Amino acid sequence: MCEHAATADEIKMEKPTDLNKFRKQRRKERGSGSTLCRSGFHQWQDEPKKQFDVKQGQLVSVQRCARCDKTRTRLT
């Protein structure tokens, strides 16, 4: 039959890798908000350091997206 019988020390059985946790992580990253920003749905917040500035008689506020850190200025 078999010339060499393997002992329990020679056979190392490892746990199979659970691939579902990687799939869930990728889905979560994909929907974390970058897709919203790419579609134009930013989450604008006023910049705390430079909140208001007066330029040429108009009020200028600087806003930054909370998800992608893109900035914009608004004249009011």
N, C-alpha and C. Protein backbone atom coordinates (compact mmCIF):
# COMPACT_ATOMS: atom_id res chain seq x y z
N MET A 1 0.82 -1.18 0.00
CA MET A 1 0.00 0.00 0.00
C MET A 1 0.86 1.25 0.00
N CYS A 2 1.00 1.85 1.14
CA CYS A 2 1.71 3.12 1.25
C CYS A 2 3.03 2.88 1.97
N GLU A 3 4.13 3.33 1.38
CA GLU A 3 5.42 3.12 2.00
C GLU A 3 5.62 4.01 3.22
N HIS A 4 5.14 5.25 3.11
CA HIS A 4 5.37 6.22 4.18
C HIS A 4 4.03 6.77 4.63
N ALA A 5 3.69 6.52 5.86
CA ALA A 5 2.45 7.06 6.40
C ALA A 5 2.76 8.39 7.08
N ALA A 6 2.05 9.43 6.72
CA ALA A 6 2.30 10.76 7.27
C ALA A 6 1.73 10.83 8.69
N THR A 7 2.50 11.43 9.56
CA THR A 7 2.05 11.60 10.94
C THR A 7 1.35 12.95 11.06
N ALA A 8 0.73 13.16 12.18
CA ALA A 8 -0.01 14.39 12.42
C ALA A 8 0.92 15.59 12.48
N ASP A 9 2.18 15.41 12.88
CA ASP A 9 3.14 16.51 12.94
C ASP A 9 3.56 16.97 11.55
N GLU A 10 3.58 16.05 10.60
CA GLU A 10 4.02 16.39 9.25
C GLU A 10 2.94 17.13 8.45
N ILE A 11 1.70 16.87 8.78
CA ILE A 11 0.58 17.50 8.06
C ILE A 11 0.19 18.76 8.82
N LYS A 12 0.31 19.87 8.16
CA LYS A 12 -0.11 21.14 8.77
C LYS A 12 -1.36 21.60 8.04
N MET A 13 -2.44 21.61 8.76
CA MET A 13 -3.71 22.05 8.19
C MET A 13 -3.94 23.49 8.62
N GLU A 14 -4.15 24.36 7.67
CA GLU A 14 -4.44 25.76 7.97
C GLU A 14 -5.92 26.00 7.75
N LYS A 15 -6.43 26.99 8.45
CA LYS A 15 -7.83 27.36 8.28
C LYS A 15 -8.01 27.97 6.89
N PRO A 16 -9.09 27.67 6.23
CA PRO A 16 -9.33 28.32 4.94
C PRO A 16 -9.64 29.80 5.16
N THR A 17 -9.20 30.61 4.25
CA THR A 17 -9.40 32.06 4.36
C THR A 17 -10.85 32.39 4.06
N ASP A 18 -11.44 33.22 4.91
CA ASP A 18 -12.81 33.65 4.72
C ASP A 18 -12.81 34.83 3.76
N LEU A 19 -13.24 34.62 2.53
CA LEU A 19 -13.22 35.66 1.50
C LEU A 19 -14.37 36.64 1.63
N ASN A 20 -15.39 36.30 2.38
CA ASN A 20 -16.54 37.19 2.51
C ASN A 20 -16.18 38.49 3.20
N LYS A 21 -15.26 38.46 4.16
CA LYS A 21 -14.90 39.70 4.83
C LYS A 21 -14.18 40.65 3.87
N PHE A 22 -13.46 40.12 2.90
CA PHE A 22 -12.82 40.98 1.91
C PHE A 22 -13.84 41.56 0.94
N ARG A 23 -14.81 40.79 0.56
CA ARG A 23 -15.85 41.28 -0.34
C ARG A 23 -16.66 42.38 0.33
N LYS A 24 -17.00 42.18 1.58
CA LYS A 24 -17.78 43.19 2.29
C LYS A 24 -16.97 44.48 2.43
N GLN A 25 -15.69 44.36 2.66
CA GLN A 25 -14.85 45.54 2.82
C GLN A 25 -14.78 46.32 1.50
N ARG A 26 -14.67 45.64 0.38
CA ARG A 26 -14.61 46.32 -0.90
C ARG A 26 -15.92 47.04 -1.19
N ARG A 27 -17.04 46.40 -0.91
CA ARG A 27 -18.34 47.05 -1.13
C ARG A 27 -18.48 48.28 -0.25
N LYS A 28 -18.01 48.15 0.98
CA LYS A 28 -18.12 49.27 1.91
C LYS A 28 -17.25 50.44 1.45
N GLU A 29 -16.05 50.15 0.97
CA GLU A 29 -15.18 51.21 0.47
C GLU A 29 -15.76 51.85 -0.78
N ARG A 30 -16.36 51.05 -1.63
CA ARG A 30 -16.89 51.58 -2.88
C ARG A 30 -18.04 52.54 -2.61
N GLY A 31 -18.83 52.29 -1.61
CA GLY A 31 -19.97 53.14 -1.32
C GLY A 31 -19.73 54.12 -0.20
N SER A 32 -18.48 54.37 0.14
CA SER A 32 -18.19 55.21 1.30
C SER A 32 -18.44 56.69 1.05
N GLY A 33 -18.69 57.10 -0.16
CA GLY A 33 -18.97 58.49 -0.43
C GLY A 33 -18.20 59.04 -1.60
N SER A 34 -17.16 58.35 -2.03
CA SER A 34 -16.43 58.84 -3.19
C SER A 34 -17.30 58.77 -4.44
N THR A 35 -18.19 57.79 -4.51
CA THR A 35 -19.07 57.71 -5.67
C THR A 35 -20.07 58.84 -5.63
N LEU A 36 -20.47 59.26 -4.45
CA LEU A 36 -21.38 60.39 -4.34
C LEU A 36 -20.71 61.66 -4.83
N CYS A 37 -19.46 61.86 -4.45
CA CYS A 37 -18.73 63.05 -4.87
C CYS A 37 -18.49 63.03 -6.38
N ARG A 38 -18.20 61.88 -6.94
CA ARG A 38 -18.00 61.80 -8.39
C ARG A 38 -19.28 62.13 -9.14
N SER A 39 -20.42 61.86 -8.53
CA SER A 39 -21.70 62.17 -9.16
C SER A 39 -22.13 63.60 -8.91
N GLY A 40 -21.38 64.35 -8.13
CA GLY A 40 -21.70 65.76 -7.88
C GLY A 40 -22.44 66.01 -6.58
N PHE A 41 -22.57 65.02 -5.74
CA PHE A 41 -23.27 65.18 -4.47
C PHE A 41 -22.25 65.30 -3.34
N HIS A 42 -21.62 66.47 -3.25
CA HIS A 42 -20.63 66.71 -2.21
C HIS A 42 -21.31 67.04 -0.89
N GLN A 43 -20.57 66.91 0.18
CA GLN A 43 -21.06 67.26 1.51
C GLN A 43 -20.28 68.49 1.96
N TRP A 44 -20.77 69.67 1.56
CA TRP A 44 -20.04 70.91 1.79
C TRP A 44 -20.17 71.36 3.23
N GLN A 45 -19.04 71.77 3.81
CA GLN A 45 -19.00 72.34 5.17
C GLN A 45 -18.12 73.58 5.11
N ASP A 46 -18.48 74.58 5.92
CA ASP A 46 -17.70 75.81 5.95
C ASP A 46 -16.32 75.55 6.53
N GLU A 47 -15.32 76.18 5.93
CA GLU A 47 -13.93 76.05 6.39
C GLU A 47 -13.81 76.82 7.72
N PRO A 48 -13.42 76.15 8.80
CA PRO A 48 -13.38 76.83 10.11
C PRO A 48 -12.25 77.86 10.21
N LYS A 49 -11.13 77.66 9.52
CA LYS A 49 -10.01 78.59 9.63
C LYS A 49 -10.28 79.88 8.89
N LYS A 50 -10.78 79.77 7.70
CA LYS A 50 -11.04 80.94 6.88
C LYS A 50 -12.52 80.92 6.49
N GLN A 51 -13.34 81.28 7.44
CA GLN A 51 -14.78 81.12 7.24
C GLN A 51 -15.34 82.20 6.32
N PHE A 52 -14.96 83.48 6.54
CA PHE A 52 -15.50 84.56 5.73
C PHE A 52 -14.39 85.51 5.33
N ASP A 53 -14.54 86.10 4.18
CA ASP A 53 -13.60 87.08 3.67
C ASP A 53 -14.40 88.08 2.85
N VAL A 54 -14.03 89.35 2.95
CA VAL A 54 -14.72 90.38 2.18
C VAL A 54 -13.82 90.76 1.02
N LYS A 55 -14.33 90.56 -0.19
CA LYS A 55 -13.55 90.86 -1.39
C LYS A 55 -14.46 91.59 -2.38
N GLN A 56 -14.09 92.78 -2.77
CA GLN A 56 -14.81 93.59 -3.74
C GLN A 56 -16.27 93.82 -3.32
N GLY A 57 -16.50 94.02 -2.06
CA GLY A 57 -17.84 94.33 -1.57
C GLY A 57 -18.76 93.13 -1.46
N GLN A 58 -18.27 91.92 -1.72
CA GLN A 58 -19.09 90.72 -1.58
C GLN A 58 -18.51 89.83 -0.50
N LEU A 59 -19.38 89.10 0.16
CA LEU A 59 -18.96 88.17 1.20
C LEU A 59 -18.54 86.85 0.55
N VAL A 60 -17.31 86.41 0.82
CA VAL A 60 -16.78 85.18 0.24
C VAL A 60 -16.62 84.16 1.35
N SER A 61 -17.23 82.98 1.17
CA SER A 61 -17.07 81.91 2.15
C SER A 61 -16.39 80.72 1.46
N VAL A 62 -15.44 80.12 2.17
CA VAL A 62 -14.71 78.96 1.65
C VAL A 62 -15.33 77.71 2.24
N GLN A 63 -15.66 76.75 1.38
CA GLN A 63 -16.27 75.49 1.83
C GLN A 63 -15.43 74.33 1.36
N ARG A 64 -15.42 73.25 2.15
CA ARG A 64 -14.64 72.05 1.85
C ARG A 64 -15.57 70.84 1.98
N CYS A 65 -15.42 69.89 1.05
CA CYS A 65 -16.21 68.66 1.09
C CYS A 65 -15.66 67.77 2.20
N ALA A 66 -16.54 67.22 3.01
CA ALA A 66 -16.13 66.38 4.13
C ALA A 66 -15.62 65.02 3.66
N ARG A 67 -16.04 64.58 2.47
CA ARG A 67 -15.63 63.27 1.99
C ARG A 67 -14.37 63.29 1.14
N CYS A 68 -14.28 64.21 0.18
CA CYS A 68 -13.16 64.18 -0.78
C CYS A 68 -12.21 65.36 -0.62
N ASP A 69 -12.44 66.29 0.29
CA ASP A 69 -11.59 67.44 0.58
C ASP A 69 -11.47 68.41 -0.60
N LYS A 70 -12.43 68.46 -1.46
CA LYS A 70 -12.43 69.43 -2.54
C LYS A 70 -12.93 70.77 -1.96
N THR A 71 -12.38 71.89 -2.43
CA THR A 71 -12.78 73.19 -1.91
C THR A 71 -13.53 73.98 -2.97
N ARG A 72 -14.38 74.88 -2.50
CA ARG A 72 -15.07 75.81 -3.38
C ARG A 72 -15.29 77.12 -2.63
N THR A 73 -15.44 78.18 -3.37
CA THR A 73 -15.72 79.49 -2.77
C THR A 73 -17.10 79.92 -3.24
N ARG A 74 -17.83 80.53 -2.33
CA ARG A 74 -19.17 81.00 -2.64
C ARG A 74 -19.24 82.49 -2.38
N LEU A 75 -19.79 83.21 -3.32
CA LEU A 75 -20.01 84.64 -3.18
C LEU A 75 -21.46 84.87 -2.78
N THR A 76 -21.66 85.66 -1.74
CA THR A 76 -23.02 85.98 -1.31
C THR A 76 -23.21 87.46 -1.23
